[in-house]
Protein backbone atom coordinates (compact mmCIF):
# COMPACT_ATOMS: atom_id res chain seq x y z
CA MET A 1 0.00 0.14 0.05
CA SER A 2 1.87 3.28 -1.41
CA GLU A 3 1.87 6.07 1.20
CA ALA A 4 -0.73 8.39 -0.62
CA GLU A 5 -3.46 5.24 -0.08
CA THR A 6 -2.78 5.29 3.70
CA THR A 7 -2.46 8.92 4.15
CA GLY A 8 -5.00 10.08 1.86
CA GLU A 9 -2.35 13.29 0.81
CA LEU A 10 -2.45 14.28 -2.59
CA ARG A 11 1.19 14.71 -3.82
CA VAL A 12 1.54 17.55 -6.39
CA VAL A 13 4.48 19.08 -8.31
CA VAL A 14 3.95 22.58 -9.34
CA ASP A 15 6.14 24.19 -11.93
CA ALA A 16 7.51 27.60 -11.80
CA GLN A 17 5.01 29.47 -13.73
CA ILE A 18 1.98 28.92 -11.71
CA VAL A 19 4.52 29.95 -8.68
CA LEU A 20 5.47 33.08 -9.99
CA SER A 21 1.76 34.13 -11.20
CA MET A 22 0.67 33.45 -7.31
CA PHE A 23 3.01 36.42 -6.37
CA LEU A 24 1.98 39.18 -9.03
CA VAL A 25 -0.04 41.94 -8.10
CA ARG A 26 -1.46 43.95 -11.03
CA ARG A 27 -0.82 47.73 -10.76
CA ASP A 28 -4.39 48.53 -11.57
CA ARG A 29 -6.05 46.26 -9.15
CA PRO A 30 -3.47 45.98 -6.50
CA ALA A 31 -6.68 44.32 -4.11
CA ALA A 32 -6.92 41.55 -6.35
CA ARG A 33 -5.12 38.46 -5.74
CA SER A 34 -4.34 35.53 -8.15
CA SER A 35 -6.71 32.64 -7.78
CA LYS A 36 -3.48 30.52 -7.65
CA ARG A 37 -2.88 32.02 -4.37
CA VAL A 38 -5.39 29.17 -2.94
CA LEU A 39 -2.58 26.80 -3.05
CA LEU A 40 -0.86 28.77 -0.03
CA GLY A 41 -3.74 27.79 2.42
CA LEU A 42 -3.23 24.45 1.56
CA LEU A 43 0.45 23.95 2.57
CA THR A 44 -0.99 23.17 6.41
CA ASP A 45 -3.29 20.74 5.26
CA PRO A 46 -2.30 17.50 5.79
CA ARG A 47 -4.12 16.14 2.75
CA PHE A 48 -1.97 17.98 0.56
CA ARG A 49 1.78 17.65 -0.26
CA TRP A 50 3.93 19.91 -2.21
CA LEU A 51 6.76 18.21 -3.72
CA TRP A 52 10.00 20.06 -4.30
CA SER A 53 13.49 19.93 -4.25
CA PRO A 54 16.45 21.99 -4.23
CA ASP A 55 16.81 22.12 -7.87
CA ILE A 56 13.05 23.18 -8.03
CA LEU A 57 13.61 25.96 -5.47
CA ALA A 58 16.51 27.38 -7.61
CA ASP A 59 14.30 27.27 -10.52
CA TYR A 60 11.52 29.41 -8.58
CA GLY A 61 14.18 31.94 -7.79
CA ARG A 62 15.68 32.32 -11.13
CA GLY A 63 12.19 33.05 -12.31
CA ALA A 64 11.45 35.21 -9.64
CA ARG A 65 14.72 37.20 -10.38
CA ALA A 66 13.53 37.15 -14.31
CA VAL A 67 10.46 38.52 -13.30
CA GLU A 68 11.53 41.49 -11.24
CA THR A 69 13.75 42.62 -13.86
CA ASN A 70 11.33 42.38 -16.96
CA GLU A 71 10.46 45.82 -17.48
CA ARG A 72 7.29 44.80 -19.63
CA VAL A 73 5.89 42.95 -16.31
CA ALA A 74 7.04 45.62 -14.24
CA SER A 75 4.83 48.06 -16.31
CA ARG A 76 1.77 45.93 -15.19
CA ALA A 77 2.67 44.40 -12.05
CA VAL A 78 4.71 44.27 -8.64
CA PHE A 79 6.10 41.11 -7.72
CA ASP A 80 5.31 39.97 -3.90
CA ARG A 81 8.88 39.11 -2.97
CA ALA A 82 8.07 38.71 0.64
CA GLY A 83 5.26 36.25 -0.01
CA PHE A 84 7.30 34.35 -2.26
CA GLU A 85 9.92 34.28 0.29
CA VAL A 86 7.79 32.92 2.60
CA LEU A 87 6.30 30.14 0.60
CA LEU A 88 10.15 29.06 0.05
CA ALA A 89 10.48 28.86 3.60
CA VAL A 90 7.23 27.25 4.40
CA LEU A 91 7.93 24.71 1.44
CA GLN A 92 11.44 23.57 3.29
CA LEU A 93 9.57 22.71 6.45
CA THR A 94 8.68 19.50 4.49
CA PRO A 95 11.39 16.83 3.26
CA PRO A 96 12.68 17.41 -0.27
CA VAL A 97 12.26 15.03 -2.97
CA ALA A 98 15.51 13.16 -3.54
CA PHE A 99 15.45 11.84 -6.98
CA SER A 100 18.19 9.73 -8.87
CA VAL A 101 20.38 10.41 -11.62
CA SER A 102 18.49 7.50 -14.19
CA THR A 103 15.20 9.22 -13.54
CA MET A 104 16.92 12.66 -14.27
CA ARG A 105 18.46 11.18 -17.13
CA ALA A 106 15.06 9.52 -18.64
CA ALA A 107 13.52 12.95 -17.94
CA ARG A 108 16.08 15.21 -19.90
CA ARG A 109 16.09 12.65 -22.98
CA ARG A 110 12.12 12.64 -22.92
CA LEU A 111 12.56 16.41 -23.09
CA SER A 112 15.41 16.27 -25.70
CA GLN A 113 12.86 14.41 -27.94
CA ALA A 114 10.53 17.17 -28.38
CA THR A 115 9.69 17.33 -31.90
CA ARG A 116 9.84 21.47 -31.83
CA ALA A 117 13.37 22.79 -30.67
CA ALA A 118 11.67 25.60 -28.78
CA GLU A 119 9.92 22.81 -26.56
CA ARG A 120 13.50 21.51 -25.59
CA ASP A 121 13.94 22.95 -22.20
CA LEU A 122 16.15 20.53 -20.58
CA ASP A 123 15.76 22.62 -17.17
CA ASP A 124 12.31 21.43 -16.68
CA ALA A 125 13.41 17.79 -16.50
CA VAL A 126 13.85 18.51 -12.77
CA TYR A 127 9.78 18.88 -12.33
CA LEU A 128 9.70 15.57 -14.04
CA ALA A 129 11.95 13.65 -12.01
CA CYS A 130 10.75 15.08 -8.62
CA ALA A 131 7.18 14.00 -9.98
CA VAL A 132 8.35 10.60 -10.64
CA ASP A 133 10.58 9.72 -7.55
CA GLY A 134 8.27 11.65 -5.53
CA GLN A 135 5.63 9.37 -6.64
CA ALA A 136 3.30 12.60 -7.48
CA HIS A 137 -0.28 12.26 -7.99
CA LEU A 138 -0.38 15.23 -10.43
CA LEU A 139 2.06 17.52 -12.06
CA THR A 140 0.71 21.06 -12.71
CA SER A 141 2.03 23.01 -15.17
CA GLU A 142 1.41 25.94 -17.58
CA ASP A 143 4.70 25.79 -19.35
CA SER A 144 4.51 24.63 -22.97
CA ASP A 145 7.57 22.36 -22.81
CA LEU A 146 6.16 20.47 -20.22
CA ARG A 147 2.62 20.30 -21.53
CA SER A 148 3.97 19.23 -24.70
CA LEU A 149 4.61 16.05 -23.52
CA GLY A 150 1.01 15.31 -23.70
CA ASN A 151 -1.43 14.39 -20.89
CA GLU A 152 1.24 12.33 -18.64
CA TYR A 153 4.70 11.56 -17.91
CA GLU A 154 5.18 8.27 -16.54
CA GLY A 155 1.62 7.72 -15.71
CA ILE A 156 1.52 11.13 -13.79
CA PRO A 157 -1.16 13.57 -15.11
CA ILE A 158 0.41 16.72 -16.44
CA ILE A 159 -2.21 19.07 -15.91
CA GLY A 160 -2.76 23.12 -15.93
CA TRP A 161 -4.00 25.43 -13.24
CA ILE A 162 -7.86 25.19 -14.09
CA GLU A 163 -7.41 21.18 -13.84
CA LEU A 164 -5.86 21.45 -10.49
CA ARG A 165 -8.28 23.62 -9.20
CA ASP A 166 -10.93 21.23 -10.18
CA ALA A 167 -8.87 18.32 -8.83
CA LEU A 168 -8.52 19.96 -5.68
CA LEU A 169 -12.47 20.91 -5.31
CA GLN A 170 -13.06 17.28 -6.19
CA ALA A 171 -10.88 16.02 -3.40
CA GLY A 172 -12.46 18.32 -0.79
CA LEU A 173 -9.45 20.06 -0.48
CA LEU A 174 -11.03 23.57 -1.78
CA SER A 175 -14.33 24.87 -1.39
CA GLN A 176 -16.41 26.36 -4.23
């Protein structure tokens, strides 16, 4: 019996695009928050486990720096750095997923086989490896490279934000 079957926890890998969008605050509507911020409330719910690795946190950090220095984004939104740092700290209260070299190689190999060169971002392999070795139930992504793999990788569904929200509602982790 797997850990998920005994604990009933939903194990999810969240890509950087979804994380970063959680902390963008529109300049024209500063009181409006991203609907994705509901994930923050799940961090203390024992039925939900946000899977991460040091490589994933580093990717989140690189993405945050890119967002903060992007003039086009900065003209429309402010990045909530303090909230982002709190997320990183809270994630580190749970153990990281250690993934094997062979799992990482397989993920990089799969990404390198993308038909379009623009979809061959081998840095995204950390999300796939974390999902496989972390025994994720879902990998949620808005990244075209990861989504180009199809609906699943190694039996793990790759879903967008709307599908994740629906899965969380169905699991009783969110209320409408």
